[in-house]
Amino acid sequence: MIVKSVAGHDKNKFYLVVNLKEKRAYIADGKKRLLGAPKAKNLIHLKVTKNVVDVVKYDTDKKVRHLLHDYNYN
């Protein structure tokens, strides 16, 4: 799913959730936070969007960047 950060230095940026464990979401944007090294973020610092995507389809950082481009730059 696509989420928006509501706290931290990355506030108001959109990310793709690649994994969930306990109270942490592992998020990637394909640029600074790559799929191979996603950022762990507390769930209370994220706002869920209505858009749910198949993570398997976005298997490269380039595909993730293209997916999130419209969210982050419009």
PDB file of N, CA and C in Angstrom:
ATOM      1  N   MET A   1       0.835  -1.185   0.000  1.00  0.00           N
ATOM      2  CA  MET A   1       0.000   0.000   0.000  1.00  0.00           C
ATOM      3  C   MET A   1       0.878   1.245   0.000  1.00  0.00           C
ATOM      4  N   ILE A   2       0.301   2.329  -0.355  1.00  0.00           N
ATOM      5  CA  ILE A   2       1.011   3.608  -0.367  1.00  0.00           C
ATOM      6  C   ILE A   2       0.613   4.374   0.882  1.00  0.00           C
ATOM      7  N   VAL A   3       1.618   4.924   1.563  1.00  0.00           N
ATOM      8  CA  VAL A   3       1.382   5.658   2.800  1.00  0.00           C
ATOM      9  C   VAL A   3       2.065   7.022   2.732  1.00  0.00           C
ATOM     10  N   LYS A   4       1.580   7.933   3.575  1.00  0.00           N
ATOM     11  CA  LYS A   4       2.154   9.272   3.685  1.00  0.00           C
ATOM     12  C   LYS A   4       2.754   9.421   5.068  1.00  0.00           C
ATOM     13  N   SER A   5       3.973   9.911   5.126  1.00  0.00           N
ATOM     14  CA  SER A   5       4.622  10.152   6.402  1.00  0.00           C
ATOM     15  C   SER A   5       4.044  11.423   7.016  1.00  0.00           C
ATOM     16  N   VAL A   6       3.659  11.360   8.283  1.00  0.00           N
ATOM     17  CA  VAL A   6       3.072  12.519   8.956  1.00  0.00           C
ATOM     18  C   VAL A   6       3.963  13.053  10.070  1.00  0.00           C
ATOM     19  N   ALA A   7       5.138  12.450  10.251  1.00  0.00           N
ATOM     20  CA  ALA A   7       6.068  12.898  11.286  1.00  0.00           C
ATOM     21  C   ALA A   7       7.497  12.560  10.875  1.00  0.00           C
ATOM     22  N   GLY A   8       8.419  13.351  11.381  1.00  0.00           N
ATOM     23  CA  GLY A   8       9.827  13.104  11.098  1.00  0.00           C
ATOM     24  C   GLY A   8      10.363  14.012  10.008  1.00  0.00           C
ATOM     25  N   HIS A   9      11.623  13.793   9.650  1.00  0.00           N
ATOM     26  CA  HIS A   9      12.251  14.634   8.626  1.00  0.00           C
ATOM     27  C   HIS A   9      11.681  14.379   7.241  1.00  0.00           C
ATOM     28  N   ASP A  10      10.990  13.273   7.063  1.00  0.00           N
ATOM     29  CA  ASP A  10      10.385  12.938   5.778  1.00  0.00           C
ATOM     30  C   ASP A  10       8.879  13.225   5.752  1.00  0.00           C
ATOM     31  N   LYS A  11       8.440  14.141   6.597  1.00  0.00           N
ATOM     32  CA  LYS A  11       7.029  14.504   6.702  1.00  0.00           C
ATOM     33  C   LYS A  11       6.484  14.927   5.336  1.00  0.00           C
ATOM     34  N   ASN A  12       5.259  14.508   5.031  1.00  0.00           N
ATOM     35  CA  ASN A  12       4.522  14.821   3.803  1.00  0.00           C
ATOM     36  C   ASN A  12       5.078  14.144   2.560  1.00  0.00           C
ATOM     37  N   LYS A  13       5.892  13.122   2.698  1.00  0.00           N
ATOM     38  CA  LYS A  13       6.375  12.346   1.557  1.00  0.00           C
ATOM     39  C   LYS A  13       5.652  11.010   1.523  1.00  0.00           C
ATOM     40  N   PHE A  14       5.499  10.472   0.318  1.00  0.00           N
ATOM     41  CA  PHE A  14       4.797   9.214   0.130  1.00  0.00           C
ATOM     42  C   PHE A  14       5.789   8.074  -0.040  1.00  0.00           C
ATOM     43  N   TYR A  15       5.401   6.908   0.463  1.00  0.00           N
ATOM     44  CA  TYR A  15       6.250   5.726   0.423  1.00  0.00           C
ATOM     45  C   TYR A  15       5.414   4.489   0.110  1.00  0.00           C
ATOM     46  N   LEU A  16       6.092   3.461  -0.320  1.00  0.00           N
ATOM     47  CA  LEU A  16       5.483   2.162  -0.542  1.00  0.00           C
ATOM     48  C   LEU A  16       5.853   1.261   0.635  1.00  0.00           C
ATOM     49  N   VAL A  17       4.858   0.652   1.257  1.00  0.00           N
ATOM     50  CA  VAL A  17       5.115  -0.278   2.356  1.00  0.00           C
ATOM     51  C   VAL A  17       5.526  -1.614   1.740  1.00  0.00           C
ATOM     52  N   VAL A  18       6.717  -2.082   2.101  1.00  0.00           N
ATOM     53  CA  VAL A  18       7.207  -3.346   1.557  1.00  0.00           C
ATOM     54  C   VAL A  18       7.102  -4.485   2.562  1.00  0.00           C
ATOM     55  N   ASN A  19       6.927  -4.157   3.855  1.00  0.00           N
ATOM     56  CA  ASN A  19       6.813  -5.188   4.872  1.00  0.00           C
ATOM     57  C   ASN A  19       6.222  -4.580   6.148  1.00  0.00           C
ATOM     58  N   LEU A  20       5.561  -5.407   6.931  1.00  0.00           N
ATOM     59  CA  LEU A  20       5.023  -5.002   8.229  1.00  0.00           C
ATOM     60  C   LEU A  20       5.474  -6.010   9.280  1.00  0.00           C
ATOM     61  N   LYS A  21       6.006  -5.508  10.383  1.00  0.00           N
ATOM     62  CA  LYS A  21       6.389  -6.360  11.507  1.00  0.00           C
ATOM     63  C   LYS A  21       6.050  -5.625  12.793  1.00  0.00           C
ATOM     64  N   GLU A  22       5.236  -6.277  13.625  1.00  0.00           N
ATOM     65  CA  GLU A  22       4.802  -5.720  14.894  1.00  0.00           C
ATOM     66  C   GLU A  22       4.243  -4.312  14.704  1.00  0.00           C
ATOM     67  N   LYS A  23       4.855  -3.288  15.319  1.00  0.00           N
ATOM     68  CA  LYS A  23       4.354  -1.916  15.188  1.00  0.00           C
ATOM     69  C   LYS A  23       5.200  -1.095  14.240  1.00  0.00           C
ATOM     70  N   ARG A  24       5.890  -1.744  13.308  1.00  0.00           N
ATOM     71  CA  ARG A  24       6.770  -1.057  12.373  1.00  0.00           C
ATOM     72  C   ARG A  24       6.367  -1.386  10.938  1.00  0.00           C
ATOM     73  N   ALA A  25       6.433  -0.377  10.092  1.00  0.00           N
ATOM     74  CA  ALA A  25       6.253  -0.560   8.658  1.00  0.00           C
ATOM     75  C   ALA A  25       7.608  -0.306   8.012  1.00  0.00           C
ATOM     76  N   TYR A  26       7.971  -1.142   7.082  1.00  0.00           N
ATOM     77  CA  TYR A  26       9.219  -0.962   6.342  1.00  0.00           C
ATOM     78  C   TYR A  26       8.854  -0.335   5.003  1.00  0.00           C
ATOM     79  N   ILE A  27       9.353   0.903   4.811  1.00  0.00           N
ATOM     80  CA  ILE A  27       8.925   1.700   3.666  1.00  0.00           C
ATOM     81  C   ILE A  27      10.100   2.005   2.747  1.00  0.00           C
ATOM     82  N   ALA A  28       9.773   2.167   1.464  1.00  0.00           N
ATOM     83  CA  ALA A  28      10.787   2.490   0.469  1.00  0.00           C
ATOM     84  C   ALA A  28      10.213   3.506  -0.508  1.00  0.00           C
ATOM     85  N   ASP A  29      11.097   4.348  -1.052  1.00  0.00           N
ATOM     86  CA  ASP A  29      10.674   5.298  -2.077  1.00  0.00           C
ATOM     87  C   ASP A  29      11.434   5.104  -3.387  1.00  0.00           C
ATOM     88  N   GLY A  30      12.385   4.200  -3.419  1.00  0.00           N
ATOM     89  CA  GLY A  30      13.137   3.918  -4.632  1.00  0.00           C
ATOM     90  C   GLY A  30      14.270   4.874  -4.913  1.00  0.00           C
ATOM     91  N   LYS A  31      14.419   5.894  -4.099  1.00  0.00           N
ATOM     92  CA  LYS A  31      15.477   6.880  -4.312  1.00  0.00           C
ATOM     93  C   LYS A  31      16.415   6.913  -3.110  1.00  0.00           C
ATOM     94  N   LYS A  32      15.952   7.484  -2.019  1.00  0.00           N
ATOM     95  CA  LYS A  32      16.771   7.524  -0.810  1.00  0.00           C
ATOM     96  C   LYS A  32      16.636   6.228  -0.017  1.00  0.00           C
ATOM     97  N   ARG A  33      15.429   5.733   0.063  1.00  0.00           N
ATOM     98  CA  ARG A  33      15.150   4.477   0.755  1.00  0.00           C
ATOM     99  C   ARG A  33      14.879   3.404  -0.294  1.00  0.00           C
ATOM    100  N   LEU A  34      15.855   2.542  -0.498  1.00  0.00           N
ATOM    101  CA  LEU A  34      15.772   1.532  -1.540  1.00  0.00           C
ATOM    102  C   LEU A  34      15.047   0.282  -1.051  1.00  0.00           C
ATOM    103  N   LEU A  35      14.590  -0.523  -2.001  1.00  0.00           N
ATOM    104  CA  LEU A  35      13.887  -1.752  -1.645  1.00  0.00           C
ATOM    105  C   LEU A  35      14.785  -2.706  -0.864  1.00  0.00           C
ATOM    106  N   GLY A  36      16.072  -2.695  -1.144  1.00  0.00           N
ATOM    107  CA  GLY A  36      16.998  -3.574  -0.448  1.00  0.00           C
ATOM    108  C   GLY A  36      17.298  -3.138   0.972  1.00  0.00           C
ATOM    109  N   ALA A  37      17.023  -1.880   1.292  1.00  0.00           N
ATOM    110  CA  ALA A  37      17.279  -1.340   2.632  1.00  0.00           C
ATOM    111  C   ALA A  37      16.154  -0.386   3.017  1.00  0.00           C
ATOM    112  N   PRO A  38      14.945  -0.919   3.229  1.00  0.00           N
ATOM    113  CA  PRO A  38      13.822  -0.033   3.564  1.00  0.00           C
ATOM    114  C   PRO A  38      13.959   0.552   4.963  1.00  0.00           C
ATOM    115  N   LYS A  39      13.289   1.672   5.161  1.00  0.00           N
ATOM    116  CA  LYS A  39      13.317   2.350   6.454  1.00  0.00           C
ATOM    117  C   LYS A  39      12.215   1.784   7.351  1.00  0.00           C
ATOM    118  N   ALA A  40      12.554   1.526   8.591  1.00  0.00           N
ATOM    119  CA  ALA A  40      11.557   1.100   9.576  1.00  0.00           C
ATOM    120  C   ALA A  40      10.924   2.350  10.169  1.00  0.00           C
ATOM    121  N   LYS A  41       9.603   2.411  10.154  1.00  0.00           N
ATOM    122  CA  LYS A  41       8.904   3.578  10.663  1.00  0.00           C
ATOM    123  C   LYS A  41       7.727   3.115  11.509  1.00  0.00           C
ATOM    124  N   ASN A  42       7.504   3.809  12.606  1.00  0.00           N
ATOM    125  CA  ASN A  42       6.408   3.505  13.501  1.00  0.00           C
ATOM    126  C   ASN A  42       5.077   3.743  12.784  1.00  0.00           C
ATOM    127  N   LEU A  43       4.134   2.848  12.970  1.00  0.00           N
ATOM    128  CA  LEU A  43       2.843   2.937  12.278  1.00  0.00           C
ATOM    129  C   LEU A  43       2.066   4.205  12.624  1.00  0.00           C
ATOM    130  N   ILE A  44       2.258   4.750  13.827  1.00  0.00           N
ATOM    131  CA  ILE A  44       1.507   5.953  14.190  1.00  0.00           C
ATOM    132  C   ILE A  44       2.030   7.183  13.446  1.00  0.00           C
ATOM    133  N   HIS A  45       3.168   7.072  12.804  1.00  0.00           N
ATOM    134  CA  HIS A  45       3.731   8.182  12.039  1.00  0.00           C
ATOM    135  C   HIS A  45       3.394   8.105  10.557  1.00  0.00           C
ATOM    136  N   LEU A  46       2.493   7.199  10.199  1.00  0.00           N
ATOM    137  CA  LEU A  46       2.099   7.020   8.803  1.00  0.00           C
ATOM    138  C   LEU A  46       0.601   7.164   8.650  1.00  0.00           C
ATOM    139  N   LYS A  47       0.195   7.728   7.523  1.00  0.00           N
ATOM    140  CA  LYS A  47      -1.221   7.847   7.187  1.00  0.00           C
ATOM    141  C   LYS A  47      -1.463   6.989   5.946  1.00  0.00           C
ATOM    142  N   VAL A  48      -2.411   6.098   6.037  1.00  0.00           N
ATOM    143  CA  VAL A  48      -2.704   5.187   4.942  1.00  0.00           C
ATOM    144  C   VAL A  48      -3.519   5.907   3.870  1.00  0.00           C
ATOM    145  N   THR A  49      -3.162   5.694   2.607  1.00  0.00           N
ATOM    146  CA  THR A  49      -3.947   6.229   1.496  1.00  0.00           C
ATOM    147  C   THR A  49      -4.922   5.157   1.033  1.00  0.00           C
ATOM    148  N   LYS A  50      -5.805   5.519   0.142  1.00  0.00           N
ATOM    149  CA  LYS A  50      -6.782   4.566  -0.380  1.00  0.00           C
ATOM    150  C   LYS A  50      -6.175   3.654  -1.445  1.00  0.00           C
ATOM    151  N   ASN A  51      -4.975   3.958  -1.894  1.00  0.00           N
ATOM    152  CA  ASN A  51      -4.373   3.197  -2.978  1.00  0.00           C
ATOM    153  C   ASN A  51      -3.581   2.008  -2.460  1.00  0.00           C
ATOM    154  N   VAL A  52      -4.012   0.837  -2.886  1.00  0.00           N
ATOM    155  CA  VAL A  52      -3.328  -0.398  -2.547  1.00  0.00           C
ATOM    156  C   VAL A  52      -2.766  -0.972  -3.837  1.00  0.00           C
ATOM    157  N   VAL A  53      -1.476  -1.288  -3.824  1.00  0.00           N
ATOM    158  CA  VAL A  53      -0.824  -1.828  -5.018  1.00  0.00           C
ATOM    159  C   VAL A  53      -0.194  -3.172  -4.672  1.00  0.00           C
ATOM    160  N   ASP A  54       0.062  -3.943  -5.697  1.00  0.00           N
ATOM    161  CA  ASP A  54       0.723  -5.233  -5.523  1.00  0.00           C
ATOM    162  C   ASP A  54       2.229  -4.995  -5.438  1.00  0.00           C
ATOM    163  N   VAL A  55       2.812  -5.264  -4.280  1.00  0.00           N
ATOM    164  CA  VAL A  55       4.235  -5.003  -4.054  1.00  0.00           C
ATOM    165  C   VAL A  55       5.092  -5.847  -4.994  1.00  0.00           C
ATOM    166  N   VAL A  56       4.623  -7.035  -5.355  1.00  0.00           N
ATOM    167  CA  VAL A  56       5.390  -7.918  -6.236  1.00  0.00           C
ATOM    168  C   VAL A  56       5.579  -7.273  -7.608  1.00  0.00           C
ATOM    169  N   LYS A  57       4.614  -6.501  -8.044  1.00  0.00           N
ATOM    170  CA  LYS A  57       4.694  -5.828  -9.349  1.00  0.00           C
ATOM    171  C   LYS A  57       5.779  -4.752  -9.350  1.00  0.00           C
ATOM    172  N   TYR A  58       6.021  -4.142  -8.215  1.00  0.00           N
ATOM    173  CA  TYR A  58       7.022  -3.072  -8.101  1.00  0.00           C
ATOM    174  C   TYR A  58       8.268  -3.649  -7.444  1.00  0.00           C
ATOM    175  N   ASP A  59       9.006  -4.425  -8.228  1.00  0.00           N
ATOM    176  CA  ASP A  59      10.146  -5.166  -7.709  1.00  0.00           C
ATOM    177  C   ASP A  59      11.488  -4.474  -7.913  1.00  0.00           C
ATOM    178  N   THR A  60      11.496  -3.306  -8.551  1.00  0.00           N
ATOM    179  CA  THR A  60      12.746  -2.552  -8.719  1.00  0.00           C
ATOM    180  C   THR A  60      12.554  -1.141  -8.173  1.00  0.00           C
ATOM    181  N   ASP A  61      13.678  -0.514  -7.826  1.00  0.00           N
ATOM    182  CA  ASP A  61      13.609   0.852  -7.298  1.00  0.00           C
ATOM    183  C   ASP A  61      13.074   1.823  -8.343  1.00  0.00           C
ATOM    184  N   LYS A  62      13.402   1.598  -9.589  1.00  0.00           N
ATOM    185  CA  LYS A  62      12.924   2.479 -10.661  1.00  0.00           C
ATOM    186  C   LYS A  62      11.394   2.443 -10.771  1.00  0.00           C
ATOM    187  N   LYS A  63      10.809   1.261 -10.675  1.00  0.00           N
ATOM    188  CA  LYS A  63       9.348   1.135 -10.736  1.00  0.00           C
ATOM    189  C   LYS A  63       8.688   1.822  -9.544  1.00  0.00           C
ATOM    190  N   VAL A  64       9.306   1.729  -8.375  1.00  0.00           N
ATOM    191  CA  VAL A  64       8.769   2.384  -7.179  1.00  0.00           C
ATOM    192  C   VAL A  64       8.834   3.894  -7.337  1.00  0.00           C
ATOM    193  N   ARG A  65       9.952   4.412  -7.859  1.00  0.00           N
ATOM    194  CA  ARG A  65      10.075   5.858  -8.096  1.00  0.00           C
ATOM    195  C   ARG A  65       8.996   6.352  -9.041  1.00  0.00           C
ATOM    196  N   HIS A  66       8.748   5.628 -10.124  1.00  0.00           N
ATOM    197  CA  HIS A  66       7.712   6.035 -11.084  1.00  0.00           C
ATOM    198  C   HIS A  66       6.324   5.986 -10.463  1.00  0.00           C
ATOM    199  N   LEU A  67       6.078   4.990  -9.621  1.00  0.00           N
ATOM    200  CA  LEU A  67       4.781   4.880  -8.949  1.00  0.00           C
ATOM    201  C   LEU A  67       4.531   6.077  -8.041  1.00  0.00           C
ATOM    202  N   LEU A  68       5.542   6.478  -7.280  1.00  0.00           N
ATOM    203  CA  LEU A  68       5.376   7.534  -6.278  1.00  0.00           C
ATOM    204  C   LEU A  68       5.596   8.942  -6.815  1.00  0.00           C
ATOM    205  N   HIS A  69       6.047   9.080  -8.040  1.00  0.00           N
ATOM    206  CA  HIS A  69       6.364  10.407  -8.588  1.00  0.00           C
ATOM    207  C   HIS A  69       5.176  11.354  -8.537  1.00  0.00           C
ATOM    208  N   ASP A  70       4.031  10.913  -8.998  1.00  0.00           N
ATOM    209  CA  ASP A  70       2.843  11.775  -9.014  1.00  0.00           C
ATOM    210  C   ASP A  70       2.399  12.167  -7.607  1.00  0.00           C
ATOM    211  N   TYR A  71       2.565  11.279  -6.656  1.00  0.00           N
ATOM    212  CA  TYR A  71       2.190  11.587  -5.275  1.00  0.00           C
ATOM    213  C   TYR A  71       3.105  12.647  -4.670  1.00  0.00           C
ATOM    214  N   ASN A  72       4.407  12.507  -4.875  1.00  0.00           N
ATOM    215  CA  ASN A  72       5.366  13.391  -4.227  1.00  0.00           C
ATOM    216  C   ASN A  72       5.559  14.727  -4.934  1.00  0.00           C
ATOM    217  N   TYR A  73       5.223  14.812  -6.211  1.00  0.00           N
ATOM    218  CA  TYR A  73       5.516  16.050  -6.956  1.00  0.00           C
ATOM    219  C   TYR A  73       4.292  16.723  -7.523  1.00  0.00           C
ATOM    220  N   ASN A  74       3.113  16.415  -7.028  1.00  0.00           N
ATOM    221  CA  ASN A  74       1.894  17.112  -7.473  1.00  0.00           C
ATOM    222  C   ASN A  74       1.143  17.671  -6.298  1.00  0.00           C
TER     223      ASN A  74
END
